[in-house]
Amino acid sequence: TRDIPPDELRQTLETLWAQGGAMSLLAAAPDVIADAEA
């Protein structure tokens, strides 16, 4: 996640937030549960 350009990450998260769904948010950033910075 830390290697994704900030604008791209922001757009991905905005898209997922607009779509709704908890699992997709986690699956979009697989290292979010393992990497503190992510």
PDB file of all heavy atoms in Angstrom:
ATOM      1  N   THR A   1       0.827  -1.207   0.000  1.00  0.00           N
ATOM      2  CA  THR A   1       0.000   0.000   0.000  1.00  0.00           C
ATOM      3  C   THR A   1       0.861   1.256   0.000  1.00  0.00           C
ATOM      4  O   THR A   1       0.548   2.245  -0.669  1.00  0.00           O
ATOM      5  CB  THR A   1      -0.929  -0.014   1.225  1.00  0.00           C
ATOM      6  OG1 THR A   1      -1.719  -1.200   1.189  1.00  0.00           O
ATOM      7  CG2 THR A   1      -1.850   1.186   1.232  1.00  0.00           C
ATOM      8  N   ARG A   2       1.951   1.198   0.724  1.00  0.00           N
ATOM      9  CA  ARG A   2       2.822   2.379   0.815  1.00  0.00           C
ATOM     10  C   ARG A   2       3.479   2.727  -0.526  1.00  0.00           C
ATOM     11  O   ARG A   2       3.955   3.851  -0.717  1.00  0.00           O
ATOM     12  CB  ARG A   2       3.897   2.143   1.869  1.00  0.00           C
ATOM     13  CG  ARG A   2       4.908   1.076   1.499  1.00  0.00           C
ATOM     14  CD  ARG A   2       6.012   0.917   2.516  1.00  0.00           C
ATOM     15  NE  ARG A   2       5.563   0.227   3.716  1.00  0.00           N
ATOM     16  CZ  ARG A   2       6.369  -0.059   4.739  1.00  0.00           C
ATOM     17  NH1 ARG A   2       7.645   0.301   4.698  1.00  0.00           N
ATOM     18  NH2 ARG A   2       5.921  -0.718   5.775  1.00  0.00           N
ATOM     19  N   ASP A   3       3.510   1.727  -1.445  1.00  0.00           N
ATOM     20  CA  ASP A   3       4.138   1.969  -2.750  1.00  0.00           C
ATOM     21  C   ASP A   3       3.153   2.484  -3.794  1.00  0.00           C
ATOM     22  O   ASP A   3       3.552   2.830  -4.909  1.00  0.00           O
ATOM     23  CB  ASP A   3       4.792   0.682  -3.269  1.00  0.00           C
ATOM     24  CG  ASP A   3       5.969   0.244  -2.406  1.00  0.00           C
ATOM     25  OD1 ASP A   3       6.556   1.108  -1.735  1.00  0.00           O
ATOM     26  OD2 ASP A   3       6.297  -0.959  -2.401  1.00  0.00           O
ATOM     27  N   ILE A   4       1.877   2.512  -3.449  1.00  0.00           N
ATOM     28  CA  ILE A   4       0.863   3.019  -4.382  1.00  0.00           C
ATOM     29  C   ILE A   4       0.894   4.548  -4.335  1.00  0.00           C
ATOM     30  O   ILE A   4       0.868   5.138  -3.253  1.00  0.00           O
ATOM     31  CB  ILE A   4      -0.538   2.506  -3.995  1.00  0.00           C
ATOM     32  CG1 ILE A   4      -0.564   0.971  -4.013  1.00  0.00           C
ATOM     33  CG2 ILE A   4      -1.598   3.069  -4.930  1.00  0.00           C
ATOM     34  CD1 ILE A   4      -1.861   0.385  -3.501  1.00  0.00           C
ATOM     35  N   PRO A   5       0.981   5.208  -5.471  1.00  0.00           N
ATOM     36  CA  PRO A   5       0.976   6.680  -5.465  1.00  0.00           C
ATOM     37  C   PRO A   5      -0.230   7.205  -4.684  1.00  0.00           C
ATOM     38  O   PRO A   5      -1.341   6.661  -4.801  1.00  0.00           O
ATOM     39  CB  PRO A   5       0.875   7.041  -6.953  1.00  0.00           C
ATOM     40  CG  PRO A   5       1.464   5.862  -7.662  1.00  0.00           C
ATOM     41  CD  PRO A   5       1.098   4.666  -6.843  1.00  0.00           C
ATOM     42  N   PRO A   6      -0.046   8.234  -3.870  1.00  0.00           N
ATOM     43  CA  PRO A   6      -1.130   8.744  -3.018  1.00  0.00           C
ATOM     44  C   PRO A   6      -2.419   9.041  -3.765  1.00  0.00           C
ATOM     45  O   PRO A   6      -3.510   8.723  -3.270  1.00  0.00           O
ATOM     46  CB  PRO A   6      -0.526  10.018  -2.413  1.00  0.00           C
ATOM     47  CG  PRO A   6       0.952   9.755  -2.411  1.00  0.00           C
ATOM     48  CD  PRO A   6       1.222   8.958  -3.652  1.00  0.00           C
ATOM     49  N   ASP A   7      -2.329   9.634  -4.954  1.00  0.00           N
ATOM     50  CA  ASP A   7      -3.541   9.959  -5.709  1.00  0.00           C
ATOM     51  C   ASP A   7      -4.278   8.695  -6.134  1.00  0.00           C
ATOM     52  O   ASP A   7      -5.515   8.635  -6.098  1.00  0.00           O
ATOM     53  CB  ASP A   7      -3.197  10.799  -6.945  1.00  0.00           C
ATOM     54  CG  ASP A   7      -2.763  12.209  -6.587  1.00  0.00           C
ATOM     55  OD1 ASP A   7      -2.953  12.596  -5.410  1.00  0.00           O
ATOM     56  OD2 ASP A   7      -2.232  12.911  -7.467  1.00  0.00           O
ATOM     57  N   GLU A   8      -3.512   7.678  -6.521  1.00  0.00           N
ATOM     58  CA  GLU A   8      -4.128   6.418  -6.944  1.00  0.00           C
ATOM     59  C   GLU A   8      -4.778   5.710  -5.754  1.00  0.00           C
ATOM     60  O   GLU A   8      -5.898   5.193  -5.864  1.00  0.00           O
ATOM     61  CB  GLU A   8      -3.070   5.511  -7.581  1.00  0.00           C
ATOM     62  CG  GLU A   8      -3.637   4.180  -8.069  1.00  0.00           C
ATOM     63  CD  GLU A   8      -2.556   3.262  -8.621  1.00  0.00           C
ATOM     64  OE1 GLU A   8      -1.467   3.756  -8.974  1.00  0.00           O
ATOM     65  OE2 GLU A   8      -2.806   2.038  -8.668  1.00  0.00           O
ATOM     66  N   LEU A   9      -4.085   5.706  -4.622  1.00  0.00           N
ATOM     67  CA  LEU A   9      -4.642   5.077  -3.427  1.00  0.00           C
ATOM     68  C   LEU A   9      -5.921   5.800  -3.003  1.00  0.00           C
ATOM     69  O   LEU A   9      -6.923   5.152  -2.662  1.00  0.00           O
ATOM     70  CB  LEU A   9      -3.617   5.089  -2.293  1.00  0.00           C
ATOM     71  CG  LEU A   9      -4.102   4.520  -0.956  1.00  0.00           C
ATOM     72  CD1 LEU A   9      -4.487   3.057  -1.099  1.00  0.00           C
ATOM     73  CD2 LEU A   9      -3.040   4.697   0.130  1.00  0.00           C
ATOM     74  N   ARG A  10      -5.865   7.109  -3.035  1.00  0.00           N
ATOM     75  CA  ARG A  10      -7.038   7.889  -2.647  1.00  0.00           C
ATOM     76  C   ARG A  10      -8.229   7.565  -3.535  1.00  0.00           C
ATOM     77  O   ARG A  10      -9.348   7.364  -3.061  1.00  0.00           O
ATOM     78  CB  ARG A  10      -6.713   9.390  -2.733  1.00  0.00           C
ATOM     79  CG  ARG A  10      -7.887  10.301  -2.402  1.00  0.00           C
ATOM     80  CD  ARG A  10      -8.129  10.348  -0.931  1.00  0.00           C
ATOM     81  NE  ARG A  10      -9.358  11.033  -0.562  1.00  0.00           N
ATOM     82  CZ  ARG A  10      -9.622  11.475   0.650  1.00  0.00           C
ATOM     83  NH1 ARG A  10      -8.740  11.317   1.612  1.00  0.00           N
ATOM     84  NH2 ARG A  10     -10.756  12.076   0.914  1.00  0.00           N
ATOM     85  N   GLN A  11      -7.988   7.489  -4.838  1.00  0.00           N
ATOM     86  CA  GLN A  11      -9.073   7.206  -5.774  1.00  0.00           C
ATOM     87  C   GLN A  11      -9.649   5.815  -5.540  1.00  0.00           C
ATOM     88  O   GLN A  11     -10.863   5.607  -5.579  1.00  0.00           O
ATOM     89  CB  GLN A  11      -8.582   7.336  -7.217  1.00  0.00           C
ATOM     90  CG  GLN A  11      -9.676   7.149  -8.254  1.00  0.00           C
ATOM     91  CD  GLN A  11     -10.837   8.102  -8.046  1.00  0.00           C
ATOM     92  OE1 GLN A  11     -10.653   9.319  -7.968  1.00  0.00           O
ATOM     93  NE2 GLN A  11     -12.062   7.579  -7.937  1.00  0.00           N
ATOM     94  N   THR A  12      -8.761   4.841  -5.267  1.00  0.00           N
ATOM     95  CA  THR A  12      -9.222   3.482  -4.994  1.00  0.00           C
ATOM     96  C   THR A  12     -10.099   3.445  -3.752  1.00  0.00           C
ATOM     97  O   THR A  12     -11.176   2.837  -3.742  1.00  0.00           O
ATOM     98  CB  THR A  12      -8.024   2.530  -4.809  1.00  0.00           C
ATOM     99  OG1 THR A  12      -7.261   2.495  -6.019  1.00  0.00           O
ATOM    100  CG2 THR A  12      -8.479   1.123  -4.459  1.00  0.00           C
ATOM    101  N   LEU A  13      -9.644   4.100  -2.694  1.00  0.00           N
ATOM    102  CA  LEU A  13     -10.414   4.114  -1.447  1.00  0.00           C
ATOM    103  C   LEU A  13     -11.739   4.860  -1.615  1.00  0.00           C
ATOM    104  O   LEU A  13     -12.768   4.427  -1.076  1.00  0.00           O
ATOM    105  CB  LEU A  13      -9.578   4.737  -0.331  1.00  0.00           C
ATOM    106  CG  LEU A  13      -8.329   3.958   0.088  1.00  0.00           C
ATOM    107  CD1 LEU A  13      -7.530   4.737   1.138  1.00  0.00           C
ATOM    108  CD2 LEU A  13      -8.692   2.573   0.622  1.00  0.00           C
ATOM    109  N   GLU A  14     -11.726   5.936  -2.352  1.00  0.00           N
ATOM    110  CA  GLU A  14     -12.972   6.686  -2.601  1.00  0.00           C
ATOM    111  C   GLU A  14     -13.969   5.817  -3.372  1.00  0.00           C
ATOM    112  O   GLU A  14     -15.171   5.810  -3.072  1.00  0.00           O
ATOM    113  CB  GLU A  14     -12.682   7.972  -3.381  1.00  0.00           C
ATOM    114  CG  GLU A  14     -11.975   9.058  -2.587  1.00  0.00           C
ATOM    115  CD  GLU A  14     -12.901   9.778  -1.607  1.00  0.00           C
ATOM    116  OE1 GLU A  14     -14.078   9.401  -1.486  1.00  0.00           O
ATOM    117  OE2 GLU A  14     -12.429  10.732  -0.955  1.00  0.00           O
ATOM    118  N   THR A  15     -13.458   5.092  -4.351  1.00  0.00           N
ATOM    119  CA  THR A  15     -14.324   4.219  -5.147  1.00  0.00           C
ATOM    120  C   THR A  15     -14.946   3.138  -4.274  1.00  0.00           C
ATOM    121  O   THR A  15     -16.149   2.864  -4.353  1.00  0.00           O
ATOM    122  CB  THR A  15     -13.531   3.581  -6.302  1.00  0.00           C
ATOM    123  OG1 THR A  15     -13.027   4.614  -7.153  1.00  0.00           O
ATOM    124  CG2 THR A  15     -14.410   2.634  -7.113  1.00  0.00           C
ATOM    125  N   LEU A  16     -14.116   2.510  -3.422  1.00  0.00           N
ATOM    126  CA  LEU A  16     -14.604   1.446  -2.552  1.00  0.00           C
ATOM    127  C   LEU A  16     -15.573   1.992  -1.512  1.00  0.00           C
ATOM    128  O   LEU A  16     -16.565   1.334  -1.178  1.00  0.00           O
ATOM    129  CB  LEU A  16     -13.429   0.740  -1.869  1.00  0.00           C
ATOM    130  CG  LEU A  16     -12.534  -0.075  -2.799  1.00  0.00           C
ATOM    131  CD1 LEU A  16     -11.304  -0.567  -2.057  1.00  0.00           C
ATOM    132  CD2 LEU A  16     -13.305  -1.254  -3.385  1.00  0.00           C
ATOM    133  N   TRP A  17     -15.311   3.173  -0.991  1.00  0.00           N
ATOM    134  CA  TRP A  17     -16.211   3.787  -0.013  1.00  0.00           C
ATOM    135  C   TRP A  17     -17.572   4.066  -0.650  1.00  0.00           C
ATOM    136  O   TRP A  17     -18.611   3.853  -0.036  1.00  0.00           O
ATOM    137  CB  TRP A  17     -15.596   5.075   0.523  1.00  0.00           C
ATOM    138  CG  TRP A  17     -16.324   5.676   1.687  1.00  0.00           C
ATOM    139  CD1 TRP A  17     -17.261   6.660   1.654  1.00  0.00           C
ATOM    140  CD2 TRP A  17     -16.171   5.324   3.070  1.00  0.00           C
ATOM    141  NE1 TRP A  17     -17.713   6.951   2.918  1.00  0.00           N
ATOM    142  CE2 TRP A  17     -17.051   6.143   3.816  1.00  0.00           C
ATOM    143  CE3 TRP A  17     -15.383   4.403   3.750  1.00  0.00           C
ATOM    144  CZ2 TRP A  17     -17.170   6.065   5.199  1.00  0.00           C
ATOM    145  CZ3 TRP A  17     -15.493   4.323   5.134  1.00  0.00           C
ATOM    146  CH2 TRP A  17     -16.372   5.147   5.848  1.00  0.00           C
ATOM    147  N   ALA A  18     -17.550   4.520  -1.895  1.00  0.00           N
ATOM    148  CA  ALA A  18     -18.800   4.817  -2.600  1.00  0.00           C
ATOM    149  C   ALA A  18     -19.557   3.535  -2.930  1.00  0.00           C
ATOM    150  O   ALA A  18     -20.795   3.518  -2.913  1.00  0.00           O
ATOM    151  CB  ALA A  18     -18.511   5.595  -3.876  1.00  0.00           C
ATOM    152  N   GLN A  19     -18.818   2.449  -3.211  1.00  0.00           N
ATOM    153  CA  GLN A  19     -19.459   1.173  -3.535  1.00  0.00           C
ATOM    154  C   GLN A  19     -20.022   0.498  -2.294  1.00  0.00           C
ATOM    155  O   GLN A  19     -21.043  -0.176  -2.346  1.00  0.00           O
ATOM    156  CB  GLN A  19     -18.447   0.233  -4.214  1.00  0.00           C
ATOM    157  CG  GLN A  19     -18.043   0.659  -5.607  1.00  0.00           C
ATOM    158  CD  GLN A  19     -16.951  -0.238  -6.178  1.00  0.00           C
ATOM    159  OE1 GLN A  19     -16.383  -1.076  -5.477  1.00  0.00           O
ATOM    160  NE2 GLN A  19     -16.650  -0.059  -7.449  1.00  0.00           N
ATOM    161  N   GLY A  20     -19.335   0.667  -1.168  1.00  0.00           N
ATOM    162  CA  GLY A  20     -19.734   0.009   0.063  1.00  0.00           C
ATOM    163  C   GLY A  20     -19.207  -1.406   0.141  1.00  0.00           C
ATOM    164  O   GLY A  20     -18.925  -2.043  -0.873  1.00  0.00           O
ATOM    165  N   GLY A  21     -19.034  -1.888   1.372  1.00  0.00           N
ATOM    166  CA  GLY A  21     -18.566  -3.255   1.572  1.00  0.00           C
ATOM    167  C   GLY A  21     -17.254  -3.294   2.316  1.00  0.00           C
ATOM    168  O   GLY A  21     -16.281  -2.671   1.898  1.00  0.00           O
ATOM    169  N   ALA A  22     -17.253  -4.017   3.446  1.00  0.00           N
ATOM    170  CA  ALA A  22     -16.067  -4.052   4.293  1.00  0.00           C
ATOM    171  C   ALA A  22     -14.979  -4.960   3.734  1.00  0.00           C
ATOM    172  O   ALA A  22     -13.797  -4.619   3.755  1.00  0.00           O
ATOM    173  CB  ALA A  22     -16.451  -4.511   5.704  1.00  0.00           C
ATOM    174  N   MET A  23     -15.371  -6.137   3.234  1.00  0.00           N
ATOM    175  CA  MET A  23     -14.385  -7.102   2.753  1.00  0.00           C
ATOM    176  C   MET A  23     -13.586  -6.558   1.574  1.00  0.00           C
ATOM    177  O   MET A  23     -12.381  -6.780   1.468  1.00  0.00           O
ATOM    178  CB  MET A  23     -15.070  -8.411   2.352  1.00  0.00           C
ATOM    179  CG  MET A  23     -15.607  -9.214   3.512  1.00  0.00           C
ATOM    180  SD  MET A  23     -14.302  -9.829   4.603  1.00  0.00           S
ATOM    181  CE  MET A  23     -15.238 -10.964   5.630  1.00  0.00           C
ATOM    182  N   SER A  24     -14.254  -5.833   0.667  1.00  0.00           N
ATOM    183  CA  SER A  24     -13.551  -5.301  -0.508  1.00  0.00           C
ATOM    184  C   SER A  24     -12.516  -4.269  -0.098  1.00  0.00           C
ATOM    185  O   SER A  24     -11.450  -4.160  -0.712  1.00  0.00           O
ATOM    186  CB  SER A  24     -14.538  -4.707  -1.506  1.00  0.00           C
ATOM    187  OG  SER A  24     -15.302  -3.687  -0.907  1.00  0.00           O
ATOM    188  N   LEU A  25     -12.807  -3.512   0.967  1.00  0.00           N
ATOM    189  CA  LEU A  25     -11.845  -2.512   1.439  1.00  0.00           C
ATOM    190  C   LEU A  25     -10.574  -3.196   1.937  1.00  0.00           C
ATOM    191  O   LEU A  25      -9.466  -2.756   1.662  1.00  0.00           O
ATOM    192  CB  LEU A  25     -12.467  -1.669   2.552  1.00  0.00           C
ATOM    193  CG  LEU A  25     -11.668  -0.440   2.993  1.00  0.00           C
ATOM    194  CD1 LEU A  25     -11.668   0.620   1.906  1.00  0.00           C
ATOM    195  CD2 LEU A  25     -12.226   0.145   4.280  1.00  0.00           C
ATOM    196  N   LEU A  26     -10.750  -4.309   2.667  1.00  0.00           N
ATOM    197  CA  LEU A  26      -9.576  -5.043   3.142  1.00  0.00           C
ATOM    198  C   LEU A  26      -8.846  -5.734   1.993  1.00  0.00           C
ATOM    199  O   LEU A  26      -7.610  -5.745   1.943  1.00  0.00           O
ATOM    200  CB  LEU A  26     -10.009  -6.087   4.182  1.00  0.00           C
ATOM    201  CG  LEU A  26     -10.482  -5.557   5.534  1.00  0.00           C
ATOM    202  CD1 LEU A  26     -10.947  -6.708   6.419  1.00  0.00           C
ATOM    203  CD2 LEU A  26      -9.379  -4.775   6.247  1.00  0.00           C
ATOM    204  N   ALA A  27      -9.615  -6.320   1.078  1.00  0.00           N
ATOM    205  CA  ALA A  27      -8.996  -7.063  -0.016  1.00  0.00           C
ATOM    206  C   ALA A  27      -8.238  -6.136  -0.969  1.00  0.00           C
ATOM    207  O   ALA A  27      -7.263  -6.554  -1.606  1.00  0.00           O
ATOM    208  CB  ALA A  27     -10.061  -7.837  -0.784  1.00  0.00           C
ATOM    209  N   ALA A  28      -8.655  -4.874  -1.070  1.00  0.00           N
ATOM    210  CA  ALA A  28      -7.999  -3.923  -1.974  1.00  0.00           C
ATOM    211  C   ALA A  28      -6.606  -3.565  -1.492  1.00  0.00           C
ATOM    212  O   ALA A  28      -5.745  -3.169  -2.277  1.00  0.00           O
ATOM    213  CB  ALA A  28      -8.838  -2.672  -2.103  1.00  0.00           C
ATOM    214  N   ALA A  29      -6.374  -3.692  -0.198  1.00  0.00           N
ATOM    215  CA  ALA A  29      -5.054  -3.401   0.377  1.00  0.00           C
ATOM    216  C   ALA A  29      -4.660  -4.583   1.263  1.00  0.00           C
ATOM    217  O   ALA A  29      -4.811  -4.521   2.480  1.00  0.00           O
ATOM    218  CB  ALA A  29      -5.095  -2.105   1.173  1.00  0.00           C
ATOM    219  N   PRO A  30      -4.210  -5.702   0.665  1.00  0.00           N
ATOM    220  CA  PRO A  30      -3.987  -6.935   1.423  1.00  0.00           C
ATOM    221  C   PRO A  30      -3.010  -6.799   2.585  1.00  0.00           C
ATOM    222  O   PRO A  30      -3.064  -7.588   3.523  1.00  0.00           O
ATOM    223  CB  PRO A  30      -3.438  -7.901   0.361  1.00  0.00           C
ATOM    224  CG  PRO A  30      -3.922  -7.367  -0.941  1.00  0.00           C
ATOM    225  CD  PRO A  30      -3.950  -5.887  -0.772  1.00  0.00           C
ATOM    226  N   ASP A  31      -2.126  -5.797   2.520  1.00  0.00           N
ATOM    227  CA  ASP A  31      -1.148  -5.655   3.610  1.00  0.00           C
ATOM    228  C   ASP A  31      -1.663  -4.758   4.729  1.00  0.00           C
ATOM    229  O   ASP A  31      -0.940  -4.481   5.686  1.00  0.00           O
ATOM    230  CB  ASP A  31       0.176  -5.114   3.077  1.00  0.00           C
ATOM    231  CG  ASP A  31       0.051  -3.721   2.447  1.00  0.00           C
ATOM    232  OD1 ASP A  31      -1.084  -3.285   2.171  1.00  0.00           O
ATOM    233  OD2 ASP A  31       1.093  -3.078   2.227  1.00  0.00           O
ATOM    234  N   VAL A  32      -2.920  -4.324   4.647  1.00  0.00           N
ATOM    235  CA  VAL A  32      -3.431  -3.382   5.638  1.00  0.00           C
ATOM    236  C   VAL A  32      -3.505  -4.011   7.025  1.00  0.00           C
ATOM    237  O   VAL A  32      -3.421  -3.305   8.034  1.00  0.00           O
ATOM    238  CB  VAL A  32      -4.817  -2.836   5.205  1.00  0.00           C
ATOM    239  CG1 VAL A  32      -5.911  -3.868   5.391  1.00  0.00           C
ATOM    240  CG2 VAL A  32      -5.159  -1.560   5.963  1.00  0.00           C
ATOM    241  N   ILE A  33      -3.643  -5.334   7.115  1.00  0.00           N
ATOM    242  CA  ILE A  33      -3.695  -5.978   8.428  1.00  0.00           C
ATOM    243  C   ILE A  33      -2.318  -6.441   8.902  1.00  0.00           C
ATOM    244  O   ILE A  33      -2.201  -6.985   9.997  1.00  0.00           O
ATOM    245  CB  ILE A  33      -4.675  -7.170   8.446  1.00  0.00           C
ATOM    246  CG1 ILE A  33      -4.228  -8.269   7.478  1.00  0.00           C
ATOM    247  CG2 ILE A  33      -6.089  -6.722   8.159  1.00  0.00           C
ATOM    248  CD1 ILE A  33      -5.008  -9.561   7.635  1.00  0.00           C
ATOM    249  N   ALA A  34      -1.307  -6.205   8.070  1.00  0.00           N
ATOM    250  CA  ALA A  34       0.039  -6.668   8.435  1.00  0.00           C
ATOM    251  C   ALA A  34       1.060  -5.548   8.555  1.00  0.00           C
ATOM    252  O   ALA A  34       2.052  -5.690   9.270  1.00  0.00           O
ATOM    253  CB  ALA A  34       0.534  -7.692   7.405  1.00  0.00           C
ATOM    254  N   ASP A  35       0.833  -4.450   7.894  1.00  0.00           N
ATOM    255  CA  ASP A  35       1.805  -3.367   7.829  1.00  0.00           C
ATOM    256  C   ASP A  35       1.234  -2.129   8.516  1.00  0.00           C
ATOM    257  O   ASP A  35       0.194  -1.600   8.107  1.00  0.00           O
ATOM    258  CB  ASP A  35       2.142  -3.065   6.368  1.00  0.00           C
ATOM    259  CG  ASP A  35       3.199  -1.984   6.234  1.00  0.00           C
ATOM    260  OD1 ASP A  35       2.824  -0.793   6.249  1.00  0.00           O
ATOM    261  OD2 ASP A  35       4.391  -2.324   6.125  1.00  0.00           O
ATOM    262  N   ALA A  36       1.890  -1.671   9.548  1.00  0.00           N
ATOM    263  CA  ALA A  36       1.366  -0.561  10.349  1.00  0.00           C
ATOM    264  C   ALA A  36       1.226   0.717   9.528  1.00  0.00           C
ATOM    265  O   ALA A  36       0.256   1.465   9.701  1.00  0.00           O
ATOM    266  CB  ALA A  36       2.274  -0.316  11.558  1.00  0.00           C
ATOM    267  N   GLU A  37       2.174   0.968   8.645  1.00  0.00           N
ATOM    268  CA  GLU A  37       2.103   2.181   7.835  1.00  0.00           C
ATOM    269  C   GLU A  37       0.933   2.119   6.865  1.00  0.00           C
ATOM    270  O   GLU A  37       0.188   3.095   6.693  1.00  0.00           O
ATOM    271  CB  GLU A  37       3.407   2.372   7.063  1.00  0.00           C
ATOM    272  CG  GLU A  37       3.453   3.661   6.250  1.00  0.00           C
ATOM    273  CD  GLU A  37       4.775   3.862   5.529  1.00  0.00           C
ATOM    274  OE1 GLU A  37       5.803   3.310   5.986  1.00  0.00           O
ATOM    275  OE2 GLU A  37       4.766   4.571   4.507  1.00  0.00           O
ATOM    276  N   ALA A  38       0.742   0.958   6.229  1.00  0.00           N
ATOM    277  CA  ALA A  38      -0.385   0.784   5.313  1.00  0.00           C
ATOM    278  C   ALA A  38      -1.694   0.932   6.070  1.00  0.00           C
ATOM    279  O   ALA A  38      -2.651   1.556   5.593  1.00  0.00           O
ATOM    280  CB  ALA A  38      -0.298  -0.582   4.644  1.00  0.00           C
TER     281      ALA A  38
END
